[in-house]
Amino acid sequence: MDERPLVVVHPPSSTGGRRVTVRAETLGTAYEPGDIVEFLSLAGLDPDPVWFDDPALLEWRGGGRDVWA
């Protein structure tokens, strides 16, 4: 069983925003936490129970949810 987080929020880019992937598929670039919720919904996941500090769901690379630049 794969124990890696389902969603990876990559480090902020030099042009702004953070790439978001679900199971290694790029969903887009997030510029705020609300964008991540939208991407999860578009990917068919239920965004309502999302806890941004849940390491089983989200992996924040290059800073946590307060780092966007």
N, C-alpha and C. Protein backbone atom coordinates (compact mmCIF):
# COMPACT_ATOMS: atom_id res chain seq x y z
N MET A 1 0.84 -1.19 0.00
CA MET A 1 0.00 0.00 0.00
C MET A 1 0.88 1.25 0.00
N ASP A 2 0.52 2.23 -0.81
CA ASP A 2 1.27 3.47 -0.91
C ASP A 2 0.92 4.37 0.27
N GLU A 3 1.91 4.73 1.08
CA GLU A 3 1.66 5.54 2.26
C GLU A 3 2.04 7.00 2.06
N ARG A 4 2.40 7.37 0.84
CA ARG A 4 2.71 8.77 0.58
C ARG A 4 1.44 9.60 0.62
N PRO A 5 1.56 10.90 0.95
CA PRO A 5 0.37 11.75 0.93
C PRO A 5 -0.25 11.78 -0.46
N LEU A 6 -1.54 11.92 -0.50
CA LEU A 6 -2.28 11.96 -1.75
C LEU A 6 -1.98 13.23 -2.55
N VAL A 7 -1.89 14.36 -1.87
CA VAL A 7 -1.71 15.66 -2.51
C VAL A 7 -0.36 16.24 -2.11
N VAL A 8 0.38 16.73 -3.09
CA VAL A 8 1.65 17.40 -2.82
C VAL A 8 1.53 18.84 -3.28
N VAL A 9 1.84 19.76 -2.36
CA VAL A 9 1.91 21.18 -2.69
C VAL A 9 3.40 21.50 -2.76
N HIS A 10 3.85 21.78 -3.96
CA HIS A 10 5.27 21.96 -4.22
C HIS A 10 5.75 23.34 -3.78
N PRO A 11 7.07 23.52 -3.68
CA PRO A 11 7.60 24.82 -3.23
C PRO A 11 7.13 25.97 -4.12
N PRO A 12 7.07 27.16 -3.55
CA PRO A 12 6.68 28.32 -4.35
C PRO A 12 7.64 28.51 -5.53
N SER A 13 7.08 28.88 -6.67
CA SER A 13 7.91 29.12 -7.85
C SER A 13 8.41 30.56 -7.83
N SER A 14 9.41 30.83 -8.63
CA SER A 14 9.97 32.18 -8.70
C SER A 14 8.98 33.16 -9.32
N THR A 15 7.98 32.65 -10.04
CA THR A 15 6.98 33.52 -10.66
C THR A 15 5.69 33.60 -9.84
N GLY A 16 5.65 32.92 -8.71
CA GLY A 16 4.49 32.95 -7.83
C GLY A 16 3.65 31.69 -7.93
N GLY A 17 3.00 31.35 -6.85
CA GLY A 17 2.14 30.18 -6.82
C GLY A 17 2.91 28.90 -6.54
N ARG A 18 2.16 27.86 -6.27
CA ARG A 18 2.72 26.56 -5.95
C ARG A 18 2.01 25.49 -6.78
N ARG A 19 2.78 24.65 -7.43
CA ARG A 19 2.22 23.55 -8.22
C ARG A 19 1.58 22.55 -7.25
N VAL A 20 0.43 22.03 -7.65
CA VAL A 20 -0.30 21.06 -6.83
C VAL A 20 -0.46 19.79 -7.65
N THR A 21 -0.06 18.65 -7.06
CA THR A 21 -0.22 17.37 -7.73
C THR A 21 -1.04 16.43 -6.85
N VAL A 22 -1.80 15.58 -7.53
CA VAL A 22 -2.54 14.50 -6.87
C VAL A 22 -2.09 13.22 -7.53
N ARG A 23 -1.49 12.34 -6.73
CA ARG A 23 -0.95 11.08 -7.25
C ARG A 23 -0.06 11.34 -8.47
N ALA A 24 0.79 12.34 -8.36
CA ALA A 24 1.79 12.72 -9.36
C ALA A 24 1.20 13.39 -10.60
N GLU A 25 -0.11 13.60 -10.66
CA GLU A 25 -0.73 14.32 -11.78
C GLU A 25 -0.87 15.79 -11.39
N THR A 26 -0.32 16.68 -12.21
CA THR A 26 -0.40 18.11 -11.92
C THR A 26 -1.82 18.60 -12.15
N LEU A 27 -2.37 19.25 -11.12
CA LEU A 27 -3.71 19.82 -11.22
C LEU A 27 -3.67 21.28 -11.60
N GLY A 28 -2.61 21.97 -11.24
CA GLY A 28 -2.50 23.38 -11.55
C GLY A 28 -1.61 24.09 -10.55
N THR A 29 -1.67 25.40 -10.59
CA THR A 29 -0.88 26.24 -9.69
C THR A 29 -1.82 26.93 -8.72
N ALA A 30 -1.53 26.77 -7.45
CA ALA A 30 -2.33 27.40 -6.40
C ALA A 30 -1.64 28.67 -5.94
N TYR A 31 -2.44 29.69 -5.70
CA TYR A 31 -1.93 30.96 -5.21
C TYR A 31 -2.41 31.26 -3.80
N GLU A 32 -3.28 30.38 -3.30
CA GLU A 32 -3.80 30.48 -1.94
C GLU A 32 -4.44 29.14 -1.58
N PRO A 33 -4.68 28.89 -0.29
CA PRO A 33 -5.26 27.60 0.11
C PRO A 33 -6.59 27.29 -0.57
N GLY A 34 -7.40 28.29 -0.85
CA GLY A 34 -8.68 28.05 -1.51
C GLY A 34 -8.52 27.39 -2.87
N ASP A 35 -7.42 27.68 -3.56
CA ASP A 35 -7.17 27.05 -4.85
C ASP A 35 -6.98 25.55 -4.69
N ILE A 36 -6.36 25.13 -3.61
CA ILE A 36 -6.14 23.70 -3.36
C ILE A 36 -7.48 22.99 -3.18
N VAL A 37 -8.38 23.61 -2.43
CA VAL A 37 -9.71 23.04 -2.24
C VAL A 37 -10.41 22.88 -3.59
N GLU A 38 -10.30 23.89 -4.44
CA GLU A 38 -10.93 23.81 -5.77
C GLU A 38 -10.32 22.68 -6.59
N PHE A 39 -8.98 22.53 -6.56
CA PHE A 39 -8.33 21.46 -7.31
C PHE A 39 -8.79 20.09 -6.83
N LEU A 40 -8.93 19.93 -5.52
CA LEU A 40 -9.39 18.65 -4.97
C LEU A 40 -10.78 18.32 -5.48
N SER A 41 -11.64 19.31 -5.53
CA SER A 41 -12.99 19.11 -6.03
C SER A 41 -12.97 18.71 -7.50
N LEU A 42 -12.16 19.40 -8.30
CA LEU A 42 -12.05 19.08 -9.72
C LEU A 42 -11.48 17.68 -9.95
N ALA A 43 -10.66 17.20 -9.01
CA ALA A 43 -10.07 15.87 -9.12
C ALA A 43 -11.03 14.78 -8.65
N GLY A 44 -12.23 15.19 -8.20
CA GLY A 44 -13.21 14.21 -7.76
C GLY A 44 -13.10 13.84 -6.31
N LEU A 45 -12.29 14.57 -5.55
CA LEU A 45 -12.15 14.31 -4.12
C LEU A 45 -13.09 15.24 -3.34
N ASP A 46 -13.52 14.79 -2.19
CA ASP A 46 -14.40 15.61 -1.36
C ASP A 46 -13.55 16.63 -0.61
N PRO A 47 -13.66 17.92 -0.95
CA PRO A 47 -12.83 18.92 -0.30
C PRO A 47 -13.32 19.33 1.09
N ASP A 48 -14.55 18.94 1.45
CA ASP A 48 -15.10 19.39 2.73
C ASP A 48 -14.32 18.95 3.95
N PRO A 49 -13.85 17.70 4.02
CA PRO A 49 -13.13 17.30 5.23
C PRO A 49 -11.63 17.59 5.19
N VAL A 50 -11.18 18.46 4.29
CA VAL A 50 -9.74 18.70 4.14
C VAL A 50 -9.19 19.46 5.34
N TRP A 51 -8.18 18.87 5.94
CA TRP A 51 -7.42 19.52 7.00
C TRP A 51 -6.04 19.78 6.43
N PHE A 52 -5.66 21.03 6.30
CA PHE A 52 -4.40 21.37 5.67
C PHE A 52 -3.18 20.89 6.44
N ASP A 53 -3.37 20.49 7.69
CA ASP A 53 -2.24 19.98 8.47
C ASP A 53 -2.26 18.45 8.59
N ASP A 54 -3.06 17.78 7.75
CA ASP A 54 -3.14 16.32 7.77
C ASP A 54 -2.05 15.73 6.88
N PRO A 55 -0.97 15.18 7.48
CA PRO A 55 0.14 14.67 6.68
C PRO A 55 -0.21 13.43 5.86
N ALA A 56 -1.32 12.76 6.17
CA ALA A 56 -1.74 11.61 5.37
C ALA A 56 -2.35 12.07 4.04
N LEU A 57 -2.84 13.30 4.00
CA LEU A 57 -3.47 13.82 2.79
C LEU A 57 -2.55 14.78 2.04
N LEU A 58 -1.96 15.74 2.76
CA LEU A 58 -1.19 16.81 2.13
C LEU A 58 0.27 16.79 2.55
N GLU A 59 1.14 16.96 1.59
CA GLU A 59 2.56 17.16 1.87
C GLU A 59 2.92 18.55 1.36
N TRP A 60 3.39 19.38 2.26
CA TRP A 60 3.79 20.74 1.92
C TRP A 60 5.31 20.74 1.74
N ARG A 61 5.76 21.04 0.55
CA ARG A 61 7.20 21.11 0.28
C ARG A 61 7.62 22.56 0.15
N GLY A 62 8.72 22.91 0.80
CA GLY A 62 9.22 24.27 0.69
C GLY A 62 8.45 25.28 1.50
N GLY A 63 7.80 24.84 2.55
CA GLY A 63 7.04 25.73 3.42
C GLY A 63 5.62 25.26 3.57
N GLY A 64 4.99 25.69 4.65
CA GLY A 64 3.62 25.27 4.93
C GLY A 64 2.60 26.11 4.20
N ARG A 65 1.37 26.04 4.69
CA ARG A 65 0.27 26.68 3.97
C ARG A 65 0.31 28.20 4.02
N ASP A 66 1.20 28.76 4.82
CA ASP A 66 1.33 30.22 4.88
C ASP A 66 2.42 30.76 3.95
N VAL A 67 3.09 29.88 3.21
CA VAL A 67 4.19 30.28 2.35
C VAL A 67 3.74 30.19 0.89
N TRP A 68 3.66 31.35 0.23
CA TRP A 68 3.19 31.40 -1.17
C TRP A 68 4.15 32.12 -2.08
N ALA A 69 5.19 32.70 -1.55
CA ALA A 69 6.17 33.39 -2.41
C ALA A 69 7.56 33.10 -1.93
